[in-house]
Amino acid sequence: TELSKDLFLDMVRLYYKCVKATVLSEEISIKSKTVRRLELGEVLEALEPPQKEDGSGVMRVRCQSVTDDVAGWVTLAGNQGTSFLEPGGNIYTCVKEIELTDGPSAEDSKAVRKVSQGEVIEILEFAKKDAEPKRMKGKAKSDGAVGWISVSKGDDTYLEQS
């Protein structure tokens, strides 16, 4: 059987979560221009493997924010051992029962199935920064069901980052 490009990318995609305030910069050099600051907890998708920056010797990775698609270079850990990024950020846990649907619009989609409290969801496509309600495409770890799910709507929260 042939492996589709989307399925292959879902299998090899690597995400990082920002665990200490840092910046996204234009080039691999730590002295290059800042693109923007990263928020604590922000999730980034790796675009290529980490590389050693010649000047400082720190490992840097070219990545892209999942919420606004801005790309640049980020230091994984400083030369004193301070971690800025850790692998992960794409695993969420259901904290309030919600429906998994077959499309991005909650109103215009059919239910795939209910997602129960405590269920683990692997995010395949993240909500954009100002989207309301925040909906993401995910895969249930328990049975592999794939669909769209609301993270939050108004004051209700359905998924939290694990």
Protein backbone atom coordinates (compact mmCIF):
# COMPACT_ATOMS: atom_id res chain seq x y z
CA THR A 1 0.00 0.00 0.00
CA GLU A 2 1.05 3.58 -0.66
CA LEU A 3 1.59 6.03 2.19
CA SER A 4 -0.01 9.43 1.53
CA LYS A 5 2.08 12.55 2.09
CA ASP A 6 -0.35 13.77 4.81
CA LEU A 7 -0.18 10.46 6.69
CA PHE A 8 3.62 10.41 6.44
CA LEU A 9 3.83 13.99 7.79
CA ASP A 10 1.44 13.13 10.66
CA MET A 11 3.78 10.28 11.62
CA VAL A 12 7.06 12.26 11.53
CA ARG A 13 5.92 15.72 12.62
CA LEU A 14 7.81 17.03 15.66
CA TYR A 15 6.41 19.69 17.99
CA TYR A 16 8.08 21.75 20.68
CA LYS A 17 6.50 23.65 23.57
CA CYS A 18 8.03 26.94 24.81
CA VAL A 19 8.88 26.40 28.51
CA LYS A 20 10.85 29.63 29.16
CA ALA A 21 10.47 33.06 27.56
CA THR A 22 12.63 33.35 24.44
CA VAL A 23 12.56 34.73 20.89
CA LEU A 24 12.08 33.51 17.34
CA SER A 25 14.89 34.94 15.18
CA GLU A 26 15.43 35.26 11.43
CA GLU A 27 18.65 33.24 11.09
CA ILE A 28 20.48 30.43 12.91
CA SER A 29 22.87 32.99 14.43
CA ILE A 30 21.80 34.00 17.95
CA LYS A 31 22.75 37.57 16.99
CA SER A 32 20.25 37.68 14.09
CA LYS A 33 17.18 39.95 14.09
CA THR A 34 14.24 38.96 16.33
CA VAL A 35 11.06 38.02 14.45
CA ARG A 36 8.95 38.05 17.64
CA ARG A 37 8.83 36.87 21.27
CA LEU A 38 7.42 33.43 22.05
CA GLU A 39 4.73 33.00 24.66
CA LEU A 40 5.11 30.49 27.50
CA GLY A 41 3.29 27.31 26.44
CA GLU A 42 3.30 28.27 22.75
CA VAL A 43 3.59 25.29 20.40
CA LEU A 44 5.99 25.22 17.46
CA GLU A 45 6.39 22.70 14.64
CA ALA A 46 9.98 21.77 13.72
CA LEU A 47 10.74 22.50 10.06
CA GLU A 48 14.17 20.85 10.06
CA PRO A 49 16.44 19.04 12.54
CA PRO A 50 18.22 21.05 15.26
CA GLN A 51 21.65 22.43 14.30
CA LYS A 52 24.60 23.73 16.29
CA GLU A 53 25.06 27.52 16.08
CA ASP A 54 28.75 28.18 15.36
CA GLY A 55 29.30 31.28 17.54
CA SER A 56 27.84 30.04 20.83
CA GLY A 57 27.72 26.28 20.30
CA VAL A 58 24.04 26.08 21.33
CA MET A 59 21.54 23.90 19.47
CA ARG A 60 18.94 25.84 17.47
CA VAL A 61 15.94 24.60 15.53
CA ARG A 62 14.07 26.21 12.64
CA CYS A 63 10.39 26.02 13.44
CA GLN A 64 6.99 27.59 12.83
CA SER A 65 4.33 28.70 15.30
CA VAL A 66 1.19 26.57 14.98
CA THR A 67 -1.07 29.52 15.84
CA ASP A 68 0.14 32.18 13.37
CA ASP A 69 2.51 30.32 10.99
CA VAL A 70 5.43 32.70 11.77
CA ALA A 71 8.74 30.86 11.22
CA GLY A 72 12.25 31.38 12.54
CA TRP A 73 15.07 29.92 14.64
CA VAL A 74 14.84 29.16 18.38
CA THR A 75 17.47 28.01 20.88
CA LEU A 76 16.55 24.64 22.43
CA ALA A 77 18.67 25.19 25.57
CA GLY A 78 21.18 27.85 26.60
CA ASN A 79 24.86 27.03 27.20
CA GLN A 80 24.17 27.10 30.98
CA GLY A 81 21.58 24.31 30.50
CA THR A 82 18.40 26.45 30.64
CA SER A 83 15.72 24.81 28.47
CA PHE A 84 13.64 27.10 26.25
CA LEU A 85 11.85 24.41 24.24
CA GLU A 86 10.83 20.88 25.15
CA PRO A 87 9.44 18.24 22.79
CA GLY A 88 5.64 18.03 22.85
CA GLY A 89 2.73 20.40 23.10
CA ASN A 90 0.47 18.47 20.72
CA ILE A 91 -1.13 16.14 23.30
CA TYR A 92 -4.32 17.33 25.03
CA THR A 93 -6.66 15.79 27.60
CA CYS A 94 -10.43 16.19 27.53
CA VAL A 95 -11.62 17.92 30.73
CA LYS A 96 -15.32 18.17 29.77
CA GLU A 97 -17.28 15.90 27.40
CA ILE A 98 -17.48 17.29 23.84
CA GLU A 99 -18.29 15.99 20.37
CA LEU A 100 -15.67 15.12 17.78
CA THR A 101 -17.09 16.27 14.41
CA ASP A 102 -16.26 15.64 10.75
CA GLY A 103 -15.55 19.29 9.86
CA PRO A 104 -13.97 22.50 11.19
CA SER A 105 -17.34 24.24 11.73
CA ALA A 106 -19.15 23.04 14.86
CA GLU A 107 -22.54 24.07 13.46
CA ASP A 108 -22.21 22.61 9.94
CA SER A 109 -20.60 19.27 10.86
CA LYS A 110 -21.86 15.81 11.77
CA ALA A 111 -20.80 14.15 15.01
CA VAL A 112 -18.15 11.42 14.69
CA ARG A 113 -18.50 10.47 18.38
CA LYS A 114 -18.40 11.89 21.91
CA VAL A 115 -15.03 12.51 23.57
CA SER A 116 -15.18 11.64 27.27
CA GLN A 117 -13.49 13.41 30.16
CA GLY A 118 -9.95 12.05 30.63
CA GLU A 119 -9.55 10.96 27.00
CA VAL A 120 -6.25 11.86 25.31
CA ILE A 121 -6.26 13.65 21.94
CA GLU A 122 -3.24 14.07 19.66
CA ILE A 123 -3.57 17.37 17.78
CA LEU A 124 -3.08 17.13 14.02
CA GLU A 125 -4.04 20.72 13.10
CA PHE A 126 -4.00 23.61 15.58
CA ALA A 127 -6.47 26.49 15.97
CA LYS A 128 -5.23 29.84 14.72
CA LYS A 129 -4.50 32.56 17.26
CA ASP A 130 -7.74 34.56 17.22
CA ALA A 131 -10.15 31.82 16.14
CA GLU A 132 -13.36 31.69 18.19
CA PRO A 133 -14.46 29.12 19.08
CA LYS A 134 -11.02 27.50 19.14
CA ARG A 135 -11.33 24.24 17.17
CA MET A 136 -8.55 21.82 16.31
CA LYS A 137 -8.27 18.65 14.27
CA GLY A 138 -7.26 15.74 16.45
CA LYS A 139 -7.00 11.99 16.78
CA ALA A 140 -8.30 10.09 19.80
CA LYS A 141 -5.52 7.92 21.26
CA SER A 142 -8.02 5.27 22.41
CA ASP A 143 -9.49 4.27 19.03
CA GLY A 144 -7.82 6.44 16.36
CA ALA A 145 -11.03 8.40 15.62
CA VAL A 146 -10.13 11.61 13.75
CA GLY A 147 -12.15 14.80 13.65
CA TRP A 148 -12.53 18.39 14.77
CA ILE A 149 -12.97 19.33 18.41
CA SER A 150 -13.57 22.55 20.34
CA VAL A 151 -10.82 23.45 22.81
CA SER A 152 -12.94 26.14 24.40
CA LYS A 153 -16.09 28.10 23.72
CA GLY A 154 -16.95 31.15 25.80
CA ASP A 155 -16.21 30.30 29.45
CA ASP A 156 -16.21 26.52 28.83
CA THR A 157 -12.94 24.62 28.40
CA TYR A 158 -13.04 21.14 26.84
CA LEU A 159 -9.36 20.33 26.20
CA GLU A 160 -6.20 21.17 28.14
CA GLN A 161 -2.60 20.67 27.10
CA SER A 162 -1.14 17.57 28.78
